[in-house]
Protein backbone atom coordinates (compact mmCIF):
# COMPACT_ATOMS: atom_id res chain seq x y z
CA MET A 1 -35.74 100.94 28.16
CA ILE A 2 -33.04 98.42 27.38
CA ARG A 3 -34.83 97.40 24.47
CA LYS A 4 -34.42 101.05 22.80
CA HIS A 5 -30.14 100.82 22.98
CA TYR A 6 -29.79 97.17 21.86
CA ASP A 7 -28.12 98.23 18.42
CA LYS A 8 -25.73 100.75 20.67
CA ILE A 9 -25.07 97.88 23.51
CA PHE A 10 -24.38 95.26 20.41
CA LEU A 11 -22.12 98.02 18.72
CA ALA A 12 -20.05 98.55 22.26
CA PHE A 13 -19.89 94.80 22.52
CA ALA A 14 -18.08 94.50 18.84
CA LEU A 15 -15.50 97.32 19.21
CA ILE A 16 -14.37 95.96 22.42
CA CYS A 17 -13.82 92.39 20.69
CA LEU A 18 -11.97 94.17 17.82
CA LEU A 19 -9.91 95.73 21.11
CA VAL A 20 -9.17 92.49 22.51
CA ALA A 21 -8.19 90.96 19.02
CA GLY A 22 -6.39 93.79 17.97
CA ALA A 23 -4.14 93.52 21.51
CA PHE A 24 -3.45 89.52 20.86
CA ALA A 25 -2.36 90.06 17.76
CA PHE A 26 0.09 93.69 18.59
CA LEU A 27 1.10 91.11 21.56
CA ARG A 28 1.93 87.73 20.20
CA PRO A 29 5.61 86.59 19.85
CA ASP A 30 7.30 86.95 16.50
CA VAL A 31 7.51 83.65 13.47
CA ARG A 32 10.40 81.93 13.68
CA PRO A 33 11.69 79.74 11.30
CA VAL A 34 11.30 75.69 10.91
CA THR A 35 15.45 75.93 10.36
CA GLU A 36 15.43 76.96 14.24
CA TYR A 37 13.61 74.18 15.11
CA VAL A 38 14.98 70.89 12.62
CA ASP A 39 18.81 70.52 11.39
CA PHE A 40 19.47 70.65 7.83
CA PRO A 41 23.14 69.60 7.67
CA SER A 42 24.18 71.05 4.28
CA LEU A 43 26.67 68.94 1.79
CA ARG A 44 29.88 69.09 3.06
CA ALA A 45 33.01 67.46 2.32
CA GLN A 46 32.60 66.13 6.23
CA ASN A 47 29.13 64.78 5.21
CA THR A 48 29.39 62.90 1.72
CA PHE A 49 29.58 59.42 1.63
CA VAL A 50 32.07 57.74 -1.43
CA VAL A 51 30.98 54.24 -3.15
CA SER A 52 33.19 51.88 -2.72
CA GLU A 53 34.07 49.28 -5.27
CA VAL A 54 32.37 46.29 -6.01
CA GLU A 55 34.79 43.19 -5.51
CA PRO A 56 34.42 40.94 -8.27
CA VAL A 57 32.31 37.63 -8.26
CA GLU A 58 34.13 34.02 -7.93
CA LEU A 59 32.96 32.56 -11.32
CA ASP A 60 34.67 29.20 -10.59
CA VAL A 61 32.58 26.02 -11.03
CA PRO A 62 32.73 23.87 -8.32
CA GLN A 63 34.20 20.27 -9.00
CA TRP A 64 32.24 17.56 -7.32
CA PRO A 65 34.20 14.46 -6.94
CA GLU A 66 33.46 11.45 -8.59
CA PRO A 67 30.58 8.82 -7.54
CA PRO A 68 32.03 5.53 -5.83
CA HIS A 69 31.08 2.44 -7.12
CA GLN A 70 28.94 0.57 -4.36
CA THR A 71 29.31 -2.53 -2.97
CA ALA A 72 26.24 -4.11 -5.17
CA GLY A 73 29.38 -4.07 -7.64
CA LEU A 74 31.01 -2.04 -11.00
CA ASP A 75 28.46 -0.93 -12.62
CA TRP A 76 26.59 0.44 -9.10
CA VAL A 77 27.38 4.06 -9.31
CA PHE A 78 24.53 7.05 -8.37
CA ASP A 79 25.48 10.69 -8.17
CA LEU A 80 23.54 13.31 -5.93
CA PHE A 81 21.99 15.11 -9.64
CA THR A 82 20.78 12.20 -11.11
CA PRO A 83 18.36 9.24 -10.49
CA PRO A 84 19.31 5.95 -10.89
CA ASP A 85 18.47 3.75 -14.20
CA ILE A 86 17.55 0.07 -12.42
CA TYR A 87 16.41 -2.77 -14.22
CA TYR A 88 14.38 -5.93 -13.86
CA ASN A 89 16.51 -9.00 -15.95
CA PRO A 90 12.88 -11.49 -15.92
CA GLU A 91 14.96 -14.59 -16.55
CA THR A 92 17.08 -14.31 -14.20
CA GLU A 93 15.01 -12.58 -11.49
CA GLU A 94 17.22 -9.75 -10.67
CA TYR A 95 17.67 -6.22 -10.61
CA THR A 96 20.26 -4.85 -13.38
CA VAL A 97 22.10 -0.86 -13.37
CA VAL A 98 23.20 -0.85 -17.02
CA SER A 99 23.93 2.00 -18.75
CA GLU A 100 21.30 1.33 -21.37
CA PRO A 101 18.32 -0.68 -21.01
CA PRO A 102 18.33 -4.60 -22.25
CA GLU A 103 17.44 -6.00 -25.80
CA PRO A 104 14.19 -6.27 -26.24
CA PRO A 105 13.12 -9.83 -27.27
CA ALA A 106 13.40 -11.57 -30.17
CA PRO A 107 10.10 -11.35 -32.45
CA PHE A 108 7.82 -13.93 -31.07
CA GLY A 109 5.83 -14.33 -34.68
CA ILE A 110 2.40 -13.66 -33.62
CA GLU A 111 0.29 -11.13 -30.79
CA LEU A 112 -2.86 -11.66 -29.33
CA ALA A 113 -5.94 -9.29 -30.22
CA GLU A 114 -8.38 -10.56 -27.32
CA VAL A 115 -10.12 -13.46 -25.61
CA ARG A 116 -13.74 -14.44 -26.17
CA SER A 117 -16.46 -16.46 -24.95
CA GLY A 118 -19.07 -16.69 -26.77
CA GLU A 119 -22.48 -18.59 -26.77
CA TYR A 120 -22.50 -22.15 -27.15
CA ARG A 121 -22.99 -23.44 -30.54
CA ILE A 122 -25.92 -25.51 -29.81
CA GLN A 123 -29.27 -23.56 -28.57
CA LEU A 124 -32.89 -25.20 -27.47
CA ILE A 125 -34.90 -23.07 -28.46
CA GLY A 126 -38.35 -24.79 -27.90
CA TRP A 127 -40.00 -28.48 -28.38
CA VAL A 128 -43.62 -29.89 -29.77
CA THR A 129 -45.21 -33.32 -29.00
CA GLY A 130 -44.80 -35.41 -31.56
CA ARG A 131 -47.27 -37.26 -33.65
CA THR A 132 -45.75 -41.12 -32.35
CA GLY A 133 -45.13 -39.95 -28.86
CA GLY A 134 -42.38 -38.25 -27.18
CA TYR A 135 -40.93 -34.48 -28.09
CA LEU A 136 -39.72 -33.16 -30.69
CA ILE A 137 -37.01 -31.02 -30.02
CA GLN A 138 -35.50 -28.42 -31.59
CA LEU A 139 -31.99 -27.18 -31.54
CA GLN A 140 -30.20 -24.18 -33.13
CA ASN A 141 -26.60 -24.65 -34.68
CA LEU A 142 -25.15 -21.40 -34.36
CA GLU A 143 -22.42 -22.70 -37.05
CA THR A 144 -25.09 -23.17 -39.80
CA GLY A 145 -27.72 -20.90 -38.71
CA MET A 146 -30.47 -23.88 -39.20
CA VAL A 147 -32.93 -24.97 -36.77
CA THR A 148 -33.24 -29.23 -36.49
CA ASN A 149 -36.04 -31.07 -34.78
CA VAL A 150 -34.17 -34.02 -33.33
CA ARG A 151 -35.49 -36.76 -30.81
CA GLU A 152 -34.19 -38.22 -27.46
CA GLY A 153 -31.38 -41.46 -27.60
CA ARG A 154 -30.63 -40.69 -31.14
CA GLU A 155 -27.29 -39.49 -32.49
CA TYR A 156 -26.66 -36.56 -35.36
CA PRO A 157 -23.16 -36.78 -36.65
CA ASP A 158 -23.76 -33.61 -38.93
CA MET A 159 -23.76 -31.49 -35.34
CA ASP A 160 -21.62 -33.89 -33.85
CA LEU A 161 -24.19 -34.64 -30.70
CA GLU A 162 -25.86 -37.25 -29.29
CA VAL A 163 -29.40 -36.15 -27.32
CA ARG A 164 -29.30 -38.14 -24.35
CA SER A 165 -32.67 -37.19 -22.56
CA PHE A 166 -35.22 -34.09 -22.31
CA ARG A 167 -37.81 -33.41 -19.81
CA VAL A 168 -39.84 -30.56 -19.65
CA ASP A 169 -40.68 -29.34 -16.05
CA ARG A 170 -43.12 -26.59 -14.19
CA GLU A 171 -41.24 -23.99 -12.64
CA PRO A 172 -42.13 -19.88 -11.37
CA MET A 173 -40.79 -17.47 -13.41
CA GLU A 174 -39.50 -13.66 -11.51
CA HIS A 175 -41.53 -11.14 -13.35
CA GLY A 176 -41.45 -8.50 -10.38
CA GLY A 177 -45.08 -8.77 -9.46
CA GLN A 178 -46.45 -9.89 -6.47
CA THR A 179 -48.63 -12.78 -8.32
CA THR A 180 -46.45 -16.53 -9.36
CA ILE A 181 -45.96 -17.02 -12.48
CA ASN A 182 -45.66 -20.34 -13.76
CA VAL A 183 -44.20 -21.47 -17.16
CA ASP A 184 -42.60 -25.11 -18.78
CA VAL A 185 -38.29 -24.95 -19.07
CA GLY A 186 -37.06 -27.53 -20.97
CA ARG A 187 -33.98 -29.15 -20.29
CA VAL A 188 -32.25 -31.62 -23.23
CA VAL A 189 -28.70 -32.96 -21.98
CA ILE A 190 -26.13 -33.85 -25.16
CA GLN A 191 -23.19 -35.55 -25.58
CA ASP A 192 -20.90 -33.25 -27.41
CA THR A 193 -19.26 -35.66 -29.07
CA ARG A 194 -16.68 -33.01 -31.14
CA ALA A 195 -15.71 -31.74 -27.63
CA ASP A 196 -16.25 -35.14 -25.73
CA ARG A 197 -18.56 -33.69 -23.01
CA GLU A 198 -22.13 -33.87 -21.54
CA ILE A 199 -24.07 -30.61 -22.18
CA THR A 200 -26.99 -29.83 -20.44
CA LEU A 201 -29.24 -26.60 -22.18
CA VAL A 202 -32.37 -25.33 -21.44
CA SER A 203 -34.90 -22.96 -23.15
CA THR A 204 -35.00 -20.65 -20.20
CA GLU A 205 -31.01 -19.17 -21.04
CA ARG A 206 -28.68 -18.92 -23.90
CA ARG A 207 -25.75 -21.09 -22.84
CA LEU A 208 -22.24 -19.79 -23.31
CA ASP A 209 -19.49 -22.21 -24.31
CA ASP A 210 -17.34 -23.12 -21.32
CA THR A 211 -14.39 -22.95 -23.16
CA PRO A 212 -12.51 -19.76 -24.87
CA THR A 213 -11.42 -18.83 -27.80
CA ALA A 214 -8.20 -16.77 -28.05
CA TYR A 215 -8.30 -14.89 -31.49
CA PHE A 216 -4.13 -13.74 -32.57
CA ARG A 217 -2.80 -12.21 -35.42
CA SER A 218 0.59 -11.94 -37.29
CA SER A 219 3.32 -8.76 -35.74
CA SER A 220 4.52 -8.29 -39.54
CA ASP A 221 1.15 -8.59 -40.84
CA PRO A 222 -2.42 -7.76 -39.00
CA GLU A 223 -4.36 -8.51 -42.31
CA ARG A 224 -3.50 -12.30 -41.17
CA THR A 225 -5.32 -13.51 -38.05
CA PHE A 226 -5.70 -16.89 -36.22
CA GLN A 227 -7.87 -18.62 -33.99
CA GLY A 228 -7.96 -21.69 -31.84
CA GLN A 229 -9.27 -22.54 -28.14
CA GLU A 230 -6.73 -24.46 -25.63
CA GLY A 231 -4.55 -27.34 -27.14
CA HIS A 232 -5.45 -26.80 -30.16
CA ARG A 233 -2.09 -26.15 -32.79
CA PHE A 234 -1.40 -23.84 -36.10
CA GLU A 235 1.48 -23.08 -38.10
CA TYR A 236 2.61 -19.47 -39.72
CA GLY A 237 5.51 -17.83 -40.66
CA GLY A 238 8.30 -21.11 -40.06
CA ASN A 239 7.12 -21.87 -36.68
CA ALA A 240 4.30 -24.09 -35.13
CA TYR A 241 2.32 -22.47 -32.49
CA VAL A 242 0.65 -24.13 -29.58
CA ILE A 243 -1.86 -22.65 -27.36
CA GLU A 244 -0.86 -24.01 -24.07
CA ALA A 245 -3.46 -22.71 -21.31
CA ILE A 246 -6.41 -20.00 -21.92
CA THR A 247 -6.55 -17.72 -18.67
CA PRO A 248 -8.48 -14.49 -19.53
CA PRO A 249 -7.44 -12.30 -20.78
CA THR A 250 -3.95 -13.95 -20.90
CA VAL A 251 -2.69 -16.92 -22.82
CA SER A 252 -0.10 -18.78 -22.85
CA VAL A 253 1.89 -19.99 -25.94
CA ARG A 254 4.44 -21.98 -26.95
CA ARG A 255 6.23 -21.36 -30.11
CA VAL A 256 7.74 -24.43 -31.67
CA SER A 257 10.50 -24.01 -34.85
CA LEU A 258 9.47 -26.80 -37.56
CA GLU A 259 13.55 -26.68 -38.69
CA ASP A 260 14.81 -27.08 -35.36
CA GLU A 261 12.73 -28.25 -32.71
CA GLU A 262 14.76 -27.52 -30.19
CA ASP A 263 14.53 -23.53 -30.96
CA ALA A 264 11.32 -23.58 -28.65
CA GLU A 265 10.01 -20.48 -26.15
CA SER A 266 6.97 -20.40 -24.40
CA ARG A 267 4.74 -16.81 -23.75
CA THR A 268 2.24 -15.68 -22.05
CA LEU A 269 0.17 -13.10 -23.93
CA VAL A 270 -1.72 -10.33 -23.32
CA PRO A 271 -4.09 -8.51 -25.79
CA GLN A 272 -2.55 -6.22 -27.92
CA GLN A 273 -4.60 -3.08 -28.79
CA ARG A 274 -4.21 -1.74 -32.89
CA VAL A 275 -5.49 1.41 -34.57
CA THR A 276 -6.51 -0.54 -37.74
CA ARG A 277 -7.83 -4.27 -36.22
CA SER A 278 -10.51 -5.14 -37.42
CA GLN A 279 -13.96 -5.22 -35.55
CA GLU A 280 -14.92 -8.55 -36.12
CA PRO A 281 -11.55 -10.94 -36.07
CA ALA A 282 -11.89 -13.67 -38.41
CA GLY A 283 -9.18 -16.80 -38.71
CA GLU A 284 -7.58 -20.19 -39.35
CA ALA A 285 -9.17 -22.44 -36.96
CA GLY A 286 -6.28 -24.04 -35.71
CA GLU A 287 -6.08 -27.96 -36.03
CA GLU A 288 -6.15 -30.12 -32.63
CA SER A 289 -3.50 -31.55 -31.13
CA PRO A 290 -3.23 -35.07 -30.28
């Protein structure tokens, strides 16, 4: 029976809901404006602000007092914002404070290009057994490029040497493998009559010159070059230059005027690089001083 009256039941329920909603809408309180809850004051003379005048800015720059002199002297004056200029005087080995840097030293006339220790002028390159016994020792003169056969106990003035002794030893050679390889190593002892010293040459290595050579150039004319070893002397620009000591990379040189020997000065020179310098500095060999 109930199923036959479903539509009537739903219709009655809908009418009841509509009546309840209408009752709530009719009985609700009136809508009040938002101004009743929030206070918005109106602009009146009592609640307005007047912009005050800007006070004038003081633009006067404060004057700092002059810095006082320090106890080190009248020139020792420092202020707060300027870093001090302090100079070292190598002649007096003291620090000085001056308004300008000291004057540069007087020109020396030459400057150092480089110091080189090349190969010794004589090298041992081999040996052969002579027909009458002994050995013919093959020496290469790097100054001339010539290879000369020499014998033990003889002098060779054209190469400025005397052959003192020669021997051949059988020695192991390191080659990185596990098997030992023995090679013949020749050793010749010569007396260098030019340098007045005894030198040993070994066939398995190139002998280097124990005395380094200094190469110089003119300070005003870089194309004018000079070279020499310790104790050598050369002349240029009215001065004589004596190489006092060579301690690579520096060289100590003494300059003496040819007109006044009291006008002399010693300096320690360091190599000076130039863009226009030649790749192979070749110069005038200085005469050896007595």
